[in-house]
Protein backbone atom coordinates (compact mmCIF):
# COMPACT_ATOMS: atom_id res chain seq x y z
CA MET A 1 -25.13 53.37 7.63
CA ILE A 2 -23.83 49.83 6.76
CA LEU A 3 -26.59 48.46 8.72
CA ASP A 4 -30.38 49.75 7.54
CA SER A 5 -33.19 48.81 10.36
CA LYS A 6 -33.79 45.17 8.86
CA GLY A 7 -31.07 43.64 9.68
CA LYS A 8 -29.52 44.55 5.42
CA LEU A 9 -25.77 45.61 4.96
CA PHE A 10 -26.62 48.80 2.59
CA GLY A 11 -29.86 47.98 2.10
CA LYS A 12 -29.34 44.96 -0.06
CA ILE A 13 -28.19 42.06 1.28
CA SER A 14 -29.09 40.39 4.57
CA ILE A 15 -26.26 39.19 6.83
CA VAL A 16 -27.23 35.51 7.14
CA ASP A 17 -27.21 35.26 3.95
CA ILE A 18 -23.72 36.60 3.77
CA LEU A 19 -22.63 33.70 6.97
CA ILE A 20 -23.96 31.18 4.72
CA VAL A 21 -22.16 31.72 1.74
CA VAL A 22 -19.15 32.26 3.46
CA ILE A 23 -19.32 28.62 5.30
CA VAL A 24 -20.46 27.20 2.01
CA LEU A 25 -17.36 28.03 0.59
CA ALA A 26 -15.35 27.53 2.83
CA ALA A 27 -16.51 23.65 3.69
CA ALA A 28 -16.08 23.42 -0.50
CA GLY A 29 -12.11 24.52 -0.11
CA GLY A 30 -12.17 21.83 2.56
CA VAL A 31 -13.16 19.23 0.73
CA GLY A 32 -10.89 20.84 -2.10
CA TYR A 33 -8.12 20.48 0.56
CA LYS A 34 -8.04 17.11 1.95
CA LEU A 35 -9.08 15.34 -2.07
CA THR A 36 -6.29 16.97 -3.42
CA ARG A 37 -4.03 16.13 -0.70
CA SER A 38 -4.93 12.99 0.58
CA LYS A 39 -3.43 9.96 -1.01
CA VAL A 40 -7.11 8.35 -1.62
CA GLY A 41 -8.27 11.11 -3.48
CA ILE A 42 -8.54 12.39 -7.08
CA TYR A 43 -5.99 10.80 -8.38
CA SER A 44 -6.14 7.19 -6.95
CA THR A 45 -9.90 7.39 -7.23
CA PHE A 46 -9.48 8.30 -11.27
CA ALA A 47 -6.13 6.20 -12.32
CA LYS A 48 -6.44 3.88 -14.84
CA SER A 49 -4.79 0.86 -12.82
CA ASP A 50 -1.86 -1.86 -14.48
CA LYS A 51 -1.74 -5.31 -13.86
CA ILE A 52 1.53 -5.38 -11.90
CA GLU A 53 3.48 -8.69 -10.82
CA ILE A 54 4.95 -8.22 -7.15
CA SER A 55 7.69 -10.43 -6.09
CA PHE A 56 7.62 -11.27 -1.85
CA TYR A 57 11.02 -13.46 -0.60
CA ALA A 58 11.23 -14.43 2.63
CA ASP A 59 14.88 -16.00 3.83
CA GLU A 60 13.59 -18.15 6.43
CA VAL A 61 10.30 -19.88 6.93
CA PRO A 62 9.06 -22.82 8.90
CA ASP A 63 8.00 -25.52 5.99
CA TYR A 64 4.86 -26.12 6.31
CA ALA A 65 3.98 -22.29 5.96
CA ALA A 66 5.57 -22.10 2.73
CA ASN A 67 3.70 -25.53 1.92
CA ALA A 68 1.10 -23.48 1.96
CA VAL A 69 1.58 -21.41 -0.33
CA SER A 70 0.06 -22.83 -3.79
CA ASN A 71 -0.77 -20.99 -7.03
CA GLY A 72 -3.56 -19.19 -7.10
CA ASP A 73 -4.28 -18.13 -3.94
CA ILE A 74 -5.24 -14.53 -2.99
CA ALA A 75 -1.93 -12.34 -0.96
CA LYS A 76 -2.83 -9.86 1.12
CA ASP A 77 -1.30 -7.16 2.82
CA PHE A 78 -1.26 -8.66 7.36
CA ASP A 79 -1.01 -5.67 8.47
CA ARG A 80 -2.86 -2.59 6.45
CA ASN A 81 -5.74 -5.37 4.96
CA VAL A 82 -5.15 -4.84 1.21
CA SER A 83 -4.97 -7.09 -1.69
CA PHE A 84 -1.70 -7.68 -3.28
CA GLY A 85 -3.94 -10.63 -6.35
CA LYS A 86 -3.39 -14.11 -7.23
CA VAL A 87 -0.20 -16.62 -6.39
CA THR A 88 1.14 -17.19 -9.49
CA GLY A 89 4.87 -18.45 -8.57
CA LYS A 90 6.43 -20.14 -5.60
CA THR A 91 10.49 -21.23 -5.15
CA THR A 92 11.37 -22.83 -2.25
CA GLY A 93 14.56 -23.35 -0.51
CA ASN A 94 17.24 -22.96 1.50
CA SER A 95 16.55 -20.90 5.00
CA VAL A 96 19.27 -18.02 5.50
CA SER A 97 20.29 -17.86 8.74
CA TRP A 98 22.61 -15.08 9.82
CA GLY A 99 24.59 -15.87 12.81
CA VAL A 100 28.28 -15.07 14.23
CA ASN A 101 30.67 -17.61 14.26
CA GLU A 102 33.96 -18.12 16.87
CA LYS A 103 35.92 -15.43 15.12
CA GLY A 104 33.26 -12.39 15.23
CA GLU A 105 32.02 -12.92 11.54
CA GLN A 106 29.08 -12.94 10.14
CA VAL A 107 28.06 -16.50 8.21
CA ALA A 108 24.91 -17.53 6.79
CA SER A 109 23.40 -21.14 7.55
CA THR A 110 20.63 -22.83 7.07
CA LYS A 111 17.84 -24.34 9.54
CA LYS A 112 16.76 -27.02 9.85
CA GLY A 113 12.43 -27.33 9.53
CA PHE A 114 12.47 -23.86 7.71
CA ASN A 115 12.97 -22.53 3.63
CA SER A 116 13.31 -19.44 2.40
CA VAL A 117 10.02 -18.87 0.32
CA LYS A 118 10.03 -16.39 -3.21
CA VAL A 119 6.23 -15.93 -4.01
CA THR A 120 4.83 -14.25 -7.41
CA VAL A 121 1.29 -11.94 -7.51
CA GLU A 122 -0.69 -11.29 -9.43
CA GLY A 123 -3.12 -8.23 -9.73
CA GLU A 124 -4.68 -4.40 -9.77
CA GLY A 125 -2.78 -1.18 -8.46
CA ILE A 126 -1.55 2.29 -9.62
CA TYR A 127 2.17 1.84 -11.15
CA ARG A 128 3.95 5.13 -10.45
CA ASP A 129 7.60 5.34 -12.28
CA GLY A 130 10.05 7.72 -12.05
CA LYS A 131 7.96 10.36 -10.20
CA ALA A 132 8.82 11.77 -6.65
CA SER A 133 6.31 8.55 -5.06
CA SER A 134 7.52 5.96 -7.41
CA GLY A 135 6.31 2.41 -6.82
CA VAL A 136 2.76 0.86 -6.86
CA SER A 137 -0.21 1.48 -4.89
CA PHE A 138 -3.17 -1.31 -3.84
CA GLY A 139 -5.82 -0.21 -3.11
CA SER A 140 -4.55 3.65 -0.30
CA ALA A 141 -1.13 2.28 0.51
CA ASP A 142 2.73 2.05 -1.24
CA PHE A 143 4.68 -0.23 -1.80
CA TYR A 144 8.19 -0.08 -2.71
CA ILE A 145 11.07 -2.42 -3.50
CA GLY A 146 12.90 -3.49 0.04
CA ARG A 147 9.23 -2.78 2.35
CA GLN A 148 9.09 -5.63 4.74
CA ILE A 149 5.47 -6.48 5.45
CA THR A 150 3.55 -9.68 7.14
CA LEU A 151 2.33 -11.35 4.08
CA LEU A 152 -0.78 -13.65 4.12
CA VAL A 153 -1.39 -15.55 1.71
CA GLY A 154 -3.24 -18.79 1.88
CA ASN A 155 -3.67 -20.33 5.13
CA SER A 156 0.55 -18.78 5.86
CA ALA A 157 1.05 -15.53 7.27
CA PHE A 158 5.36 -14.34 7.13
CA GLN A 159 7.93 -11.39 7.42
CA CYS A 160 9.17 -10.47 3.72
CA ARG A 161 10.51 -7.85 2.11
CA ILE A 162 9.06 -6.46 -0.91
CA TYR A 163 11.87 -7.92 -3.85
CA ASP A 164 10.54 -6.96 -7.28
CA ILE A 165 7.99 -4.92 -8.19
CA LYS A 166 7.03 -5.10 -12.27
CA LYS A 167 4.26 -3.28 -14.59
CA LYS A 168 3.18 -6.21 -17.05
CA GLY A 169 2.04 -5.63 -20.85
């Protein structure tokens, strides 16, 4: 018989013991799978962080929002609540508004009371160049050149695009 009168398999191992071992192995496998497949798993936990310079560009920001950005302000992604670091530079220029003229052509013009702004930020992230998922990770979120975000910097928030990402030193 496979089971004896005491409920042991082949007279040696209890079925309850086998079930406990199976459950523990399944739980360990599930945790291992999550850690190797998740963006916040082993790679981002143990990867060495790099000093990153990231630049943001917005072509049409109200004057008061552009003027409220100062060096040393903390810059964050408003939607993901991820911090990029501190502002190291800001450049403002004429706003760029696109419209259609009477010939149906796209033309750029400026808008009174608005500026374009380029904000440069320096912080700690994980830089990945030339891999399948190149870009930079801040916290648990990945960022790439051209990605549109809502940037919260100082007392301002505005829509912009990631203009440039560089690994420093």
